[in-house]
mmCIF file of all heavy atoms, coordinates in Angstrom:
data_MODEL
# 
_entry.id   MODEL 
# 
loop_
_atom_site.group_PDB 
_atom_site.id 
_atom_site.type_symbol 
_atom_site.label_atom_id 
_atom_site.label_alt_id 
_atom_site.label_comp_id 
_atom_site.label_asym_id 
_atom_site.label_entity_id 
_atom_site.label_seq_id 
_atom_site.pdbx_PDB_ins_code 
_atom_site.Cartn_x 
_atom_site.Cartn_y 
_atom_site.Cartn_z 
_atom_site.occupancy 
_atom_site.B_iso_or_equiv 
_atom_site.pdbx_formal_charge 
_atom_site.auth_seq_id 
_atom_site.auth_comp_id 
_atom_site.auth_asym_id 
_atom_site.auth_atom_id 
_atom_site.pdbx_PDB_model_num 
ATOM 1   N N   . LYS A 1 1  ? 35.308 80.188 13.755 1.00 0.00 ? 1  LYS A N   1 
ATOM 2   C CA  . LYS A 1 1  ? 34.010 79.608 13.974 1.00 0.00 ? 1  LYS A CA  1 
ATOM 3   C C   . LYS A 1 1  ? 32.997 80.642 14.462 1.00 0.00 ? 1  LYS A C   1 
ATOM 4   O O   . LYS A 1 1  ? 33.363 81.393 15.369 1.00 0.00 ? 1  LYS A O   1 
ATOM 5   C CB  . LYS A 1 1  ? 34.096 78.412 14.895 1.00 0.00 ? 1  LYS A CB  1 
ATOM 6   C CG  . LYS A 1 1  ? 32.749 77.723 15.127 1.00 0.00 ? 1  LYS A CG  1 
ATOM 7   C CD  . LYS A 1 1  ? 32.893 76.591 16.124 1.00 0.00 ? 1  LYS A CD  1 
ATOM 8   C CE  . LYS A 1 1  ? 33.135 77.101 17.539 1.00 0.00 ? 1  LYS A CE  1 
ATOM 9   N NZ  . LYS A 1 1  ? 33.010 76.053 18.547 1.00 0.00 ? 1  LYS A NZ  1 
ATOM 10  N N   . ILE A 1 2  ? 31.815 80.687 13.872 1.00 0.00 ? 2  ILE A N   1 
ATOM 11  C CA  . ILE A 1 2  ? 30.798 81.590 14.323 1.00 0.00 ? 2  ILE A CA  1 
ATOM 12  C C   . ILE A 1 2  ? 29.520 80.776 14.532 1.00 0.00 ? 2  ILE A C   1 
ATOM 13  O O   . ILE A 1 2  ? 29.026 80.082 13.620 1.00 0.00 ? 2  ILE A O   1 
ATOM 14  C CB  . ILE A 1 2  ? 30.529 82.706 13.347 1.00 0.00 ? 2  ILE A CB  1 
ATOM 15  C CG1 . ILE A 1 2  ? 31.796 83.520 13.139 1.00 0.00 ? 2  ILE A CG1 1 
ATOM 16  C CG2 . ILE A 1 2  ? 29.392 83.601 13.801 1.00 0.00 ? 2  ILE A CG2 1 
ATOM 17  C CD1 . ILE A 1 2  ? 31.715 84.609 12.102 1.00 0.00 ? 2  ILE A CD1 1 
ATOM 18  N N   . ASP A 1 3  ? 28.967 80.827 15.730 1.00 0.00 ? 3  ASP A N   1 
ATOM 19  C CA  . ASP A 1 3  ? 27.751 80.172 16.085 1.00 0.00 ? 3  ASP A CA  1 
ATOM 20  C C   . ASP A 1 3  ? 26.649 81.190 16.249 1.00 0.00 ? 3  ASP A C   1 
ATOM 21  O O   . ASP A 1 3  ? 26.855 82.206 16.994 1.00 0.00 ? 3  ASP A O   1 
ATOM 22  C CB  . ASP A 1 3  ? 27.900 79.356 17.405 1.00 0.00 ? 3  ASP A CB  1 
ATOM 23  C CG  . ASP A 1 3  ? 28.951 78.242 17.256 1.00 0.00 ? 3  ASP A CG  1 
ATOM 24  O OD1 . ASP A 1 3  ? 28.628 77.200 16.739 1.00 0.00 ? 3  ASP A OD1 1 
ATOM 25  O OD2 . ASP A 1 3  ? 30.116 78.482 17.711 1.00 0.00 ? 3  ASP A OD2 1 
ATOM 26  N N   . ILE A 1 4  ? 25.491 80.944 15.626 1.00 0.00 ? 4  ILE A N   1 
ATOM 27  C CA  . ILE A 1 4  ? 24.408 81.900 15.653 1.00 0.00 ? 4  ILE A CA  1 
ATOM 28  C C   . ILE A 1 4  ? 23.109 81.206 16.153 1.00 0.00 ? 4  ILE A C   1 
ATOM 29  O O   . ILE A 1 4  ? 22.670 80.234 15.588 1.00 0.00 ? 4  ILE A O   1 
ATOM 30  C CB  . ILE A 1 4  ? 24.118 82.518 14.278 1.00 0.00 ? 4  ILE A CB  1 
ATOM 31  C CG1 . ILE A 1 4  ? 25.438 83.040 13.663 1.00 0.00 ? 4  ILE A CG1 1 
ATOM 32  C CG2 . ILE A 1 4  ? 23.068 83.600 14.353 1.00 0.00 ? 4  ILE A CG2 1 
ATOM 33  C CD1 . ILE A 1 4  ? 25.226 83.482 12.185 1.00 0.00 ? 4  ILE A CD1 1 
ATOM 34  N N   . TRP A 1 5  ? 22.580 81.734 17.256 1.00 0.00 ? 5  TRP A N   1 
ATOM 35  C CA  . TRP A 1 5  ? 21.303 81.266 17.767 1.00 0.00 ? 5  TRP A CA  1 
ATOM 36  C C   . TRP A 1 5  ? 20.231 82.175 17.189 1.00 0.00 ? 5  TRP A C   1 
ATOM 37  O O   . TRP A 1 5  ? 20.368 83.463 17.256 1.00 0.00 ? 5  TRP A O   1 
ATOM 38  C CB  . TRP A 1 5  ? 21.297 81.309 19.265 1.00 0.00 ? 5  TRP A CB  1 
ATOM 39  C CG  . TRP A 1 5  ? 21.858 80.050 19.867 1.00 0.00 ? 5  TRP A CG  1 
ATOM 40  C CD1 . TRP A 1 5  ? 21.215 78.942 20.321 1.00 0.00 ? 5  TRP A CD1 1 
ATOM 41  C CD2 . TRP A 1 5  ? 23.286 79.763 20.099 1.00 0.00 ? 5  TRP A CD2 1 
ATOM 42  N NE1 . TRP A 1 5  ? 22.102 77.991 20.754 1.00 0.00 ? 5  TRP A NE1 1 
ATOM 43  C CE2 . TRP A 1 5  ? 23.343 78.468 20.681 1.00 0.00 ? 5  TRP A CE2 1 
ATOM 44  C CE3 . TRP A 1 5  ? 24.443 80.488 19.878 1.00 0.00 ? 5  TRP A CE3 1 
ATOM 45  C CZ2 . TRP A 1 5  ? 24.559 77.856 21.016 1.00 0.00 ? 5  TRP A CZ2 1 
ATOM 46  C CZ3 . TRP A 1 5  ? 25.665 79.921 20.203 1.00 0.00 ? 5  TRP A CZ3 1 
ATOM 47  C CH2 . TRP A 1 5  ? 25.708 78.608 20.764 1.00 0.00 ? 5  TRP A CH2 1 
ATOM 48  N N   . SER A 1 6  ? 19.184 81.607 16.690 1.00 0.00 ? 6  SER A N   1 
ATOM 49  C CA  . SER A 1 6  ? 18.152 82.396 15.963 1.00 0.00 ? 6  SER A CA  1 
ATOM 50  C C   . SER A 1 6  ? 16.833 81.638 15.920 1.00 0.00 ? 6  SER A C   1 
ATOM 51  O O   . SER A 1 6  ? 16.835 80.382 15.957 1.00 0.00 ? 6  SER A O   1 
ATOM 52  C CB  . SER A 1 6  ? 18.686 82.599 14.552 1.00 0.00 ? 6  SER A CB  1 
ATOM 53  O OG  . SER A 1 6  ? 17.709 83.129 13.681 1.00 0.00 ? 6  SER A OG  1 
ATOM 54  N N   . ASP A 1 7  ? 15.750 82.339 15.899 1.00 0.00 ? 7  ASP A N   1 
ATOM 55  C CA  . ASP A 1 7  ? 14.422 81.700 15.674 1.00 0.00 ? 7  ASP A CA  1 
ATOM 56  C C   . ASP A 1 7  ? 13.854 82.137 14.337 1.00 0.00 ? 7  ASP A C   1 
ATOM 57  O O   . ASP A 1 7  ? 14.145 83.266 13.893 1.00 0.00 ? 7  ASP A O   1 
ATOM 58  C CB  . ASP A 1 7  ? 13.467 82.137 16.779 1.00 0.00 ? 7  ASP A CB  1 
ATOM 59  C CG  . ASP A 1 7  ? 12.221 81.262 16.836 1.00 0.00 ? 7  ASP A CG  1 
ATOM 60  O OD1 . ASP A 1 7  ? 12.119 80.332 16.072 1.00 0.00 ? 7  ASP A OD1 1 
ATOM 61  O OD2 . ASP A 1 7  ? 11.285 81.604 17.624 1.00 0.00 ? 7  ASP A OD2 1 
ATOM 62  N N   . ILE A 1 8  ? 13.186 81.263 13.655 1.00 0.00 ? 8  ILE A N   1 
ATOM 63  C CA  . ILE A 1 8  ? 12.581 81.583 12.393 1.00 0.00 ? 8  ILE A CA  1 
ATOM 64  C C   . ILE A 1 8  ? 11.519 82.622 12.512 1.00 0.00 ? 8  ILE A C   1 
ATOM 65  O O   . ILE A 1 8  ? 11.334 83.514 11.673 1.00 0.00 ? 8  ILE A O   1 
ATOM 66  C CB  . ILE A 1 8  ? 12.053 80.311 11.686 1.00 0.00 ? 8  ILE A CB  1 
ATOM 67  C CG1 . ILE A 1 8  ? 13.182 79.307 11.475 1.00 0.00 ? 8  ILE A CG1 1 
ATOM 68  C CG2 . ILE A 1 8  ? 11.411 80.615 10.388 1.00 0.00 ? 8  ILE A CG2 1 
ATOM 69  C CD1 . ILE A 1 8  ? 12.798 77.878 11.559 1.00 0.00 ? 8  ILE A CD1 1 
ATOM 70  N N   . ALA A 1 9  ? 10.735 82.542 13.619 1.00 0.00 ? 9  ALA A N   1 
ATOM 71  C CA  . ALA A 1 9  ? 9.655  83.462 13.871 1.00 0.00 ? 9  ALA A CA  1 
ATOM 72  C C   . ALA A 1 9  ? 10.122 84.780 14.542 1.00 0.00 ? 9  ALA A C   1 
ATOM 73  O O   . ALA A 1 9  ? 9.445  85.333 15.394 1.00 0.00 ? 9  ALA A O   1 
ATOM 74  C CB  . ALA A 1 9  ? 8.564  82.821 14.727 1.00 0.00 ? 9  ALA A CB  1 
ATOM 75  N N   . CYS A 1 10 ? 11.315 85.251 14.155 1.00 0.00 ? 10 CYS A N   1 
ATOM 76  C CA  . CYS A 1 10 ? 11.885 86.437 14.743 1.00 0.00 ? 10 CYS A CA  1 
ATOM 77  C C   . CYS A 1 10 ? 12.301 87.393 13.665 1.00 0.00 ? 10 CYS A C   1 
ATOM 78  O O   . CYS A 1 10 ? 13.251 87.122 12.882 1.00 0.00 ? 10 CYS A O   1 
ATOM 79  C CB  . CYS A 1 10 ? 13.116 86.069 15.602 1.00 0.00 ? 10 CYS A CB  1 
ATOM 80  S SG  . CYS A 1 10 ? 14.228 87.414 16.005 1.00 0.00 ? 10 CYS A SG  1 
ATOM 81  N N   . PRO A 1 11 ? 11.594 88.512 13.561 1.00 0.00 ? 11 PRO A N   1 
ATOM 82  C CA  . PRO A 1 11 ? 11.885 89.473 12.420 1.00 0.00 ? 11 PRO A CA  1 
ATOM 83  C C   . PRO A 1 11 ? 13.314 90.011 12.465 1.00 0.00 ? 11 PRO A C   1 
ATOM 84  O O   . PRO A 1 11 ? 13.949 90.237 11.407 1.00 0.00 ? 11 PRO A O   1 
ATOM 85  C CB  . PRO A 1 11 ? 10.865 90.548 12.597 1.00 0.00 ? 11 PRO A CB  1 
ATOM 86  C CG  . PRO A 1 11 ? 10.412 90.532 14.037 1.00 0.00 ? 11 PRO A CG  1 
ATOM 87  C CD  . PRO A 1 11 ? 10.534 89.048 14.411 1.00 0.00 ? 11 PRO A CD  1 
ATOM 88  N N   . TRP A 1 12 ? 13.860 90.243 13.687 1.00 0.00 ? 12 TRP A N   1 
ATOM 89  C CA  . TRP A 1 12 ? 15.216 90.802 13.734 1.00 0.00 ? 12 TRP A CA  1 
ATOM 90  C C   . TRP A 1 12 ? 16.261 89.720 13.399 1.00 0.00 ? 12 TRP A C   1 
ATOM 91  O O   . TRP A 1 12 ? 17.407 90.096 13.027 1.00 0.00 ? 12 TRP A O   1 
ATOM 92  C CB  . TRP A 1 12 ? 15.435 91.366 15.143 1.00 0.00 ? 12 TRP A CB  1 
ATOM 93  C CG  . TRP A 1 12 ? 14.653 92.635 15.369 1.00 0.00 ? 12 TRP A CG  1 
ATOM 94  C CD1 . TRP A 1 12 ? 13.552 92.817 16.166 1.00 0.00 ? 12 TRP A CD1 1 
ATOM 95  C CD2 . TRP A 1 12 ? 14.895 93.912 14.765 1.00 0.00 ? 12 TRP A CD2 1 
ATOM 96  N NE1 . TRP A 1 12 ? 13.085 94.100 16.088 1.00 0.00 ? 12 TRP A NE1 1 
ATOM 97  C CE2 . TRP A 1 12 ? 13.883 94.775 15.224 1.00 0.00 ? 12 TRP A CE2 1 
ATOM 98  C CE3 . TRP A 1 12 ? 15.841 94.400 13.838 1.00 0.00 ? 12 TRP A CE3 1 
ATOM 99  C CZ2 . TRP A 1 12 ? 13.833 96.146 14.847 1.00 0.00 ? 12 TRP A CZ2 1 
ATOM 100 C CZ3 . TRP A 1 12 ? 15.758 95.680 13.461 1.00 0.00 ? 12 TRP A CZ3 1 
ATOM 101 C CH2 . TRP A 1 12 ? 14.801 96.579 13.925 1.00 0.00 ? 12 TRP A CH2 1 
ATOM 102 N N   . CYS A 1 13 ? 15.870 88.492 13.503 1.00 0.00 ? 13 CYS A N   1 
ATOM 103 C CA  . CYS A 1 13 ? 16.854 87.442 13.142 1.00 0.00 ? 13 CYS A CA  1 
ATOM 104 C C   . CYS A 1 13 ? 17.184 87.436 11.652 1.00 0.00 ? 13 CYS A C   1 
ATOM 105 O O   . CYS A 1 13 ? 18.317 87.227 11.248 1.00 0.00 ? 13 CYS A O   1 
ATOM 106 C CB  . CYS A 1 13 ? 16.302 86.035 13.581 1.00 0.00 ? 13 CYS A CB  1 
ATOM 107 S SG  . CYS A 1 13 ? 16.364 85.789 15.354 1.00 0.00 ? 13 CYS A SG  1 
ATOM 108 N N   . TYR A 1 14 ? 16.140 87.683 10.845 1.00 0.00 ? 14 TYR A N   1 
ATOM 109 C CA  . TYR A 1 14 ? 16.345 87.767 9.395  1.00 0.00 ? 14 TYR A CA  1 
ATOM 110 C C   . TYR A 1 14 ? 17.148 89.044 9.049  1.00 0.00 ? 14 TYR A C   1 
ATOM 111 O O   . TYR A 1 14 ? 18.079 89.028 8.240  1.00 0.00 ? 14 TYR A O   1 
ATOM 112 C CB  . TYR A 1 14 ? 15.010 87.772 8.661  1.00 0.00 ? 14 TYR A CB  1 
ATOM 113 C CG  . TYR A 1 14 ? 15.033 87.282 7.231  1.00 0.00 ? 14 TYR A CG  1 
ATOM 114 C CD1 . TYR A 1 14 ? 16.202 86.861 6.662  1.00 0.00 ? 14 TYR A CD1 1 
ATOM 115 C CD2 . TYR A 1 14 ? 13.878 87.379 6.443  1.00 0.00 ? 14 TYR A CD2 1 
ATOM 116 C CE1 . TYR A 1 14 ? 16.205 86.441 5.299  1.00 0.00 ? 14 TYR A CE1 1 
ATOM 117 C CE2 . TYR A 1 14 ? 13.870 86.886 5.143  1.00 0.00 ? 14 TYR A CE2 1 
ATOM 118 C CZ  . TYR A 1 14 ? 15.016 86.428 4.554  1.00 0.00 ? 14 TYR A CZ  1 
ATOM 119 O OH  . TYR A 1 14 ? 15.017 86.049 3.251  1.00 0.00 ? 14 TYR A OH  1 
ATOM 120 N N   . ILE A 1 15 ? 16.835 90.139 9.672  1.00 0.00 ? 15 ILE A N   1 
ATOM 121 C CA  . ILE A 1 15 ? 17.583 91.370 9.432  1.00 0.00 ? 15 ILE A CA  1 
ATOM 122 C C   . ILE A 1 15 ? 19.015 91.192 9.928  1.00 0.00 ? 15 ILE A C   1 
ATOM 123 O O   . ILE A 1 15 ? 19.942 91.635 9.229  1.00 0.00 ? 15 ILE A O   1 
ATOM 124 C CB  . ILE A 1 15 ? 16.854 92.546 10.194 1.00 0.00 ? 15 ILE A CB  1 
ATOM 125 C CG1 . ILE A 1 15 ? 15.476 92.814 9.584  1.00 0.00 ? 15 ILE A CG1 1 
ATOM 126 C CG2 . ILE A 1 15 ? 17.722 93.796 10.162 1.00 0.00 ? 15 ILE A CG2 1 
ATOM 127 C CD1 . ILE A 1 15 ? 14.618 93.743 10.391 1.00 0.00 ? 15 ILE A CD1 1 
ATOM 128 N N   . GLY A 1 16 ? 19.185 90.590 11.077 1.00 0.00 ? 16 GLY A N   1 
ATOM 129 C CA  . GLY A 1 16 ? 20.529 90.350 11.587 1.00 0.00 ? 16 GLY A CA  1 
ATOM 130 C C   . GLY A 1 16 ? 21.332 89.456 10.679 1.00 0.00 ? 16 GLY A C   1 
ATOM 131 O O   . GLY A 1 16 ? 22.530 89.636 10.502 1.00 0.00 ? 16 GLY A O   1 
ATOM 132 N N   . LYS A 1 17 ? 20.664 88.446 10.095 1.00 0.00 ? 17 LYS A N   1 
ATOM 133 C CA  . LYS A 1 17 ? 21.360 87.550 9.158  1.00 0.00 ? 17 LYS A CA  1 
ATOM 134 C C   . LYS A 1 17 ? 21.888 88.319 7.949  1.00 0.00 ? 17 LYS A C   1 
ATOM 135 O O   . LYS A 1 17 ? 23.032 88.172 7.557  1.00 0.00 ? 17 LYS A O   1 
ATOM 136 C CB  . LYS A 1 17 ? 20.419 86.474 8.683  1.00 0.00 ? 17 LYS A CB  1 
ATOM 137 C CG  . LYS A 1 17 ? 21.025 85.435 7.753  1.00 0.00 ? 17 LYS A CG  1 
ATOM 138 C CD  . LYS A 1 17 ? 19.969 84.303 7.416  1.00 0.00 ? 17 LYS A CD  1 
ATOM 139 C CE  . LYS A 1 17 ? 20.636 83.168 6.646  1.00 0.00 ? 17 LYS A CE  1 
ATOM 140 N NZ  . LYS A 1 17 ? 21.076 83.517 5.339  1.00 0.00 ? 17 LYS A NZ  1 
ATOM 141 N N   . ARG A 1 18 ? 21.052 89.232 7.413  1.00 0.00 ? 18 ARG A N   1 
ATOM 142 C CA  . ARG A 1 18 ? 21.512 90.022 6.279  1.00 0.00 ? 18 ARG A CA  1 
ATOM 143 C C   . ARG A 1 18 ? 22.698 90.957 6.664  1.00 0.00 ? 18 ARG A C   1 
ATOM 144 O O   . ARG A 1 18 ? 23.637 91.113 5.868  1.00 0.00 ? 18 ARG A O   1 
ATOM 145 C CB  . ARG A 1 18 ? 20.342 90.882 5.750  1.00 0.00 ? 18 ARG A CB  1 
ATOM 146 C CG  . ARG A 1 18 ? 19.444 90.163 4.822  1.00 0.00 ? 18 ARG A CG  1 
ATOM 147 C CD  . ARG A 1 18 ? 20.196 89.795 3.487  1.00 0.00 ? 18 ARG A CD  1 
ATOM 148 N NE  . ARG A 1 18 ? 19.249 89.149 2.610  1.00 0.00 ? 18 ARG A NE  1 
ATOM 149 C CZ  . ARG A 1 18 ? 19.059 87.801 2.606  1.00 0.00 ? 18 ARG A CZ  1 
ATOM 150 N NH1 . ARG A 1 18 ? 19.747 87.022 3.467  1.00 0.00 ? 18 ARG A NH1 1 
ATOM 151 N NH2 . ARG A 1 18 ? 18.217 87.267 1.791  1.00 0.00 ? 18 ARG A NH2 1 
ATOM 152 N N   . ARG A 1 19 ? 22.611 91.597 7.791  1.00 0.00 ? 19 ARG A N   1 
ATOM 153 C CA  . ARG A 1 19 ? 23.653 92.546 8.198  1.00 0.00 ? 19 ARG A CA  1 
ATOM 154 C C   . ARG A 1 19 ? 24.964 91.778 8.435  1.00 0.00 ? 19 ARG A C   1 
ATOM 155 O O   . ARG A 1 19 ? 26.034 92.239 8.081  1.00 0.00 ? 19 ARG A O   1 
ATOM 156 C CB  . ARG A 1 19 ? 23.206 93.317 9.433  1.00 0.00 ? 19 ARG A CB  1 
ATOM 157 C CG  . ARG A 1 19 ? 22.103 94.261 9.117  1.00 0.00 ? 19 ARG A CG  1 
ATOM 158 C CD  . ARG A 1 19 ? 21.569 94.984 10.387 1.00 0.00 ? 19 ARG A CD  1 
ATOM 159 N NE  . ARG A 1 19 ? 20.572 95.949 10.048 1.00 0.00 ? 19 ARG A NE  1 
ATOM 160 C CZ  . ARG A 1 19 ? 19.851 96.621 10.902 1.00 0.00 ? 19 ARG A CZ  1 
ATOM 161 N NH1 . ARG A 1 19 ? 20.038 96.472 12.212 1.00 0.00 ? 19 ARG A NH1 1 
ATOM 162 N NH2 . ARG A 1 19 ? 18.912 97.494 10.495 1.00 0.00 ? 19 ARG A NH2 1 
ATOM 163 N N   . PHE A 1 20 ? 24.855 90.617 9.073  1.00 0.00 ? 20 PHE A N   1 
ATOM 164 C CA  . PHE A 1 20 ? 26.054 89.780 9.293  1.00 0.00 ? 20 PHE A CA  1 
ATOM 165 C C   . PHE A 1 20 ? 26.620 89.356 7.961  1.00 0.00 ? 20 PHE A C   1 
ATOM 166 O O   . PHE A 1 20 ? 27.867 89.397 7.784  1.00 0.00 ? 20 PHE A O   1 
ATOM 167 C CB  . PHE A 1 20 ? 25.716 88.578 10.182 1.00 0.00 ? 20 PHE A CB  1 
ATOM 168 C CG  . PHE A 1 20 ? 26.813 87.554 10.203 1.00 0.00 ? 20 PHE A CG  1 
ATOM 169 C CD1 . PHE A 1 20 ? 27.965 87.769 10.951 1.00 0.00 ? 20 PHE A CD1 1 
ATOM 170 C CD2 . PHE A 1 20 ? 26.684 86.404 9.476  1.00 0.00 ? 20 PHE A CD2 1 
ATOM 171 C CE1 . PHE A 1 20 ? 28.953 86.851 10.964 1.00 0.00 ? 20 PHE A CE1 1 
ATOM 172 C CE2 . PHE A 1 20 ? 27.712 85.437 9.477  1.00 0.00 ? 20 PHE A CE2 1 
ATOM 173 C CZ  . PHE A 1 20 ? 28.838 85.662 10.264 1.00 0.00 ? 20 PHE A CZ  1 
ATOM 174 N N   . GLU A 1 21 ? 25.792 88.944 7.027  1.00 0.00 ? 21 GLU A N   1 
ATOM 175 C CA  . GLU A 1 21 ? 26.255 88.486 5.721  1.00 0.00 ? 21 GLU A CA  1 
ATOM 176 C C   . GLU A 1 21 ? 26.977 89.605 4.977  1.00 0.00 ? 21 GLU A C   1 
ATOM 177 O O   . GLU A 1 21 ? 27.911 89.353 4.223  1.00 0.00 ? 21 GLU A O   1 
ATOM 178 C CB  . GLU A 1 21 ? 25.128 87.934 4.914  1.00 0.00 ? 21 GLU A CB  1 
ATOM 179 C CG  . GLU A 1 21 ? 24.604 86.596 5.400  1.00 0.00 ? 21 GLU A CG  1 
ATOM 180 C CD  . GLU A 1 21 ? 23.292 86.194 4.770  1.00 0.00 ? 21 GLU A CD  1 
ATOM 181 O OE1 . GLU A 1 21 ? 22.610 87.036 4.207  1.00 0.00 ? 21 GLU A OE1 1 
ATOM 182 O OE2 . GLU A 1 21 ? 22.951 84.978 4.865  1.00 0.00 ? 21 GLU A OE2 1 
ATOM 183 N N   . THR A 1 22 ? 26.460 90.819 5.150  1.00 0.00 ? 22 THR A N   1 
ATOM 184 C CA  . THR A 1 22 ? 27.095 92.021 4.489  1.00 0.00 ? 22 THR A CA  1 
ATOM 185 C C   . THR A 1 22 ? 28.531 92.159 5.013  1.00 0.00 ? 22 THR A C   1 
ATOM 186 O O   . THR A 1 22 ? 29.493 92.347 4.218  1.00 0.00 ? 22 THR A O   1 
ATOM 187 C CB  . THR A 1 22 ? 26.286 93.274 4.777  1.00 0.00 ? 22 THR A CB  1 
ATOM 188 O OG1 . THR A 1 22 ? 25.010 93.161 4.181  1.00 0.00 ? 22 THR A OG1 1 
ATOM 189 C CG2 . THR A 1 22 ? 27.000 94.511 4.229  1.00 0.00 ? 22 THR A CG2 1 
ATOM 190 N N   . ALA A 1 23 ? 28.699 92.001 6.330  1.00 0.00 ? 23 ALA A N   1 
ATOM 191 C CA  . ALA A 1 23 ? 30.035 92.106 6.950  1.00 0.00 ? 23 ALA A CA  1 
ATOM 192 C C   . ALA A 1 23 ? 30.898 90.973 6.535  1.00 0.00 ? 23 ALA A C   1 
ATOM 193 O O   . ALA A 1 23 ? 32.069 91.180 6.189  1.00 0.00 ? 23 ALA A O   1 
ATOM 194 C CB  . ALA A 1 23 ? 29.906 92.184 8.477  1.00 0.00 ? 23 ALA A CB  1 
ATOM 195 N N   . LEU A 1 24 ? 30.375 89.749 6.503  1.00 0.00 ? 24 LEU A N   1 
ATOM 196 C CA  . LEU A 1 24 ? 31.105 88.605 6.120  1.00 0.00 ? 24 LEU A CA  1 
ATOM 197 C C   . LEU A 1 24 ? 31.620 88.687 4.657  1.00 0.00 ? 24 LEU A C   1 
ATOM 198 O O   . LEU A 1 24 ? 32.757 88.268 4.322  1.00 0.00 ? 24 LEU A O   1 
ATOM 199 C CB  . LEU A 1 24 ? 30.314 87.360 6.369  1.00 0.00 ? 24 LEU A CB  1 
ATOM 200 C CG  . LEU A 1 24 ? 31.035 86.008 6.145  1.00 0.00 ? 24 LEU A CG  1 
ATOM 201 C CD1 . LEU A 1 24 ? 32.191 85.882 7.101  1.00 0.00 ? 24 LEU A CD1 1 
ATOM 202 C CD2 . LEU A 1 24 ? 30.084 84.833 6.334  1.00 0.00 ? 24 LEU A CD2 1 
ATOM 203 N N   . ALA A 1 25 ? 30.757 89.186 3.806  1.00 0.00 ? 25 ALA A N   1 
ATOM 204 C CA  . ALA A 1 25 ? 31.104 89.251 2.355  1.00 0.00 ? 25 ALA A CA  1 
ATOM 205 C C   . ALA A 1 25 ? 32.316 90.174 2.122  1.00 0.00 ? 25 ALA A C   1 
ATOM 206 O O   . ALA A 1 25 ? 33.082 89.910 1.125  1.00 0.00 ? 25 ALA A O   1 
ATOM 207 C CB  . ALA A 1 25 ? 29.903 89.799 1.588  1.00 0.00 ? 25 ALA A CB  1 
ATOM 208 N N   . ARG A 1 26 ? 32.516 91.161 2.953  1.00 0.00 ? 26 ARG A N   1 
ATOM 209 C CA  . ARG A 1 26 ? 33.669 92.044 2.742  1.00 0.00 ? 26 ARG A CA  1 
ATOM 210 C C   . ARG A 1 26 ? 34.828 91.719 3.698  1.00 0.00 ? 26 ARG A C   1 
ATOM 211 O O   . ARG A 1 26 ? 35.882 92.447 3.658  1.00 0.00 ? 26 ARG A O   1 
ATOM 212 C CB  . ARG A 1 26 ? 33.231 93.495 2.944  1.00 0.00 ? 26 ARG A CB  1 
ATOM 213 C CG  . ARG A 1 26 ? 32.718 93.868 4.335  1.00 0.00 ? 26 ARG A CG  1 
ATOM 214 C CD  . ARG A 1 26 ? 32.030 95.173 4.288  1.00 0.00 ? 26 ARG A CD  1 
ATOM 215 N NE  . ARG A 1 26 ? 31.630 95.671 5.617  1.00 0.00 ? 26 ARG A NE  1 
ATOM 216 C CZ  . ARG A 1 26 ? 30.750 96.571 5.868  1.00 0.00 ? 26 ARG A CZ  1 
ATOM 217 N NH1 . ARG A 1 26 ? 30.096 97.129 4.857  1.00 0.00 ? 26 ARG A NH1 1 
ATOM 218 N NH2 . ARG A 1 26 ? 30.442 96.952 7.104  1.00 0.00 ? 26 ARG A NH2 1 
ATOM 219 N N   . PHE A 1 27 ? 34.726 90.627 4.442  1.00 0.00 ? 27 PHE A N   1 
ATOM 220 C CA  . PHE A 1 27 ? 35.793 90.190 5.313  1.00 0.00 ? 27 PHE A CA  1 
ATOM 221 C C   . PHE A 1 27 ? 36.847 89.461 4.481  1.00 0.00 ? 27 PHE A C   1 
ATOM 222 O O   . PHE A 1 27 ? 36.541 88.505 3.770  1.00 0.00 ? 27 PHE A O   1 
ATOM 223 C CB  . PHE A 1 27 ? 35.228 89.238 6.442  1.00 0.00 ? 27 PHE A CB  1 
ATOM 224 C CG  . PHE A 1 27 ? 36.189 88.812 7.467  1.00 0.00 ? 27 PHE A CG  1 
ATOM 225 C CD1 . PHE A 1 27 ? 36.916 89.699 8.150  1.00 0.00 ? 27 PHE A CD1 1 
ATOM 226 C CD2 . PHE A 1 27 ? 36.373 87.488 7.730  1.00 0.00 ? 27 PHE A CD2 1 
ATOM 227 C CE1 . PHE A 1 27 ? 37.854 89.314 9.142  1.00 0.00 ? 27 PHE A CE1 1 
ATOM 228 C CE2 . PHE A 1 27 ? 37.268 87.047 8.661  1.00 0.00 ? 27 PHE A CE2 1 
ATOM 229 C CZ  . PHE A 1 27 ? 38.015 87.989 9.360  1.00 0.00 ? 27 PHE A CZ  1 
ATOM 230 N N   . PRO A 1 28 ? 38.117 89.835 4.552  1.00 0.00 ? 28 PRO A N   1 
ATOM 231 C CA  . PRO A 1 28 ? 39.117 89.262 3.716  1.00 0.00 ? 28 PRO A CA  1 
ATOM 232 C C   . PRO A 1 28 ? 39.319 87.705 3.913  1.00 0.00 ? 28 PRO A C   1 
ATOM 233 O O   . PRO A 1 28 ? 39.738 87.038 2.983  1.00 0.00 ? 28 PRO A O   1 
ATOM 234 C CB  . PRO A 1 28 ? 40.427 89.988 4.116  1.00 0.00 ? 28 PRO A CB  1 
ATOM 235 C CG  . PRO A 1 28 ? 39.914 91.278 4.727  1.00 0.00 ? 28 PRO A CG  1 
ATOM 236 C CD  . PRO A 1 28 ? 38.634 90.968 5.333  1.00 0.00 ? 28 PRO A CD  1 
ATOM 237 N N   . HIS A 1 29 ? 38.993 87.258 5.117  1.00 0.00 ? 29 HIS A N   1 
ATOM 238 C CA  . HIS A 1 29 ? 39.209 85.825 5.400  1.00 0.00 ? 29 HIS A CA  1 
ATOM 239 C C   . HIS A 1 29 ? 37.883 85.068 5.436  1.00 0.00 ? 29 HIS A C   1 
ATOM 240 O O   . HIS A 1 29 ? 37.849 84.045 6.154  1.00 0.00 ? 29 HIS A O   1 
ATOM 241 C CB  . HIS A 1 29 ? 39.957 85.714 6.746  1.00 0.00 ? 29 HIS A CB  1 
ATOM 242 C CG  . HIS A 1 29 ? 41.140 86.570 6.862  1.00 0.00 ? 29 HIS A CG  1 
ATOM 243 N ND1 . HIS A 1 29 ? 42.334 86.314 6.171  1.00 0.00 ? 29 HIS A ND1 1 
ATOM 244 C CD2 . HIS A 1 29 ? 41.326 87.722 7.554  1.00 0.00 ? 29 HIS A CD2 1 
ATOM 245 C CE1 . HIS A 1 29 ? 43.191 87.286 6.430  1.00 0.00 ? 29 HIS A CE1 1 
ATOM 246 N NE2 . HIS A 1 29 ? 42.678 88.098 7.292  1.00 0.00 ? 29 HIS A NE2 1 
# 
């Protein structure tokens, strides 16, 4: 389980979402 706290009006939140998704996409599980 991964819980993410984030605000829509936060530029780093969108960037962080993309970077996390990159890691998750290559995660075997």
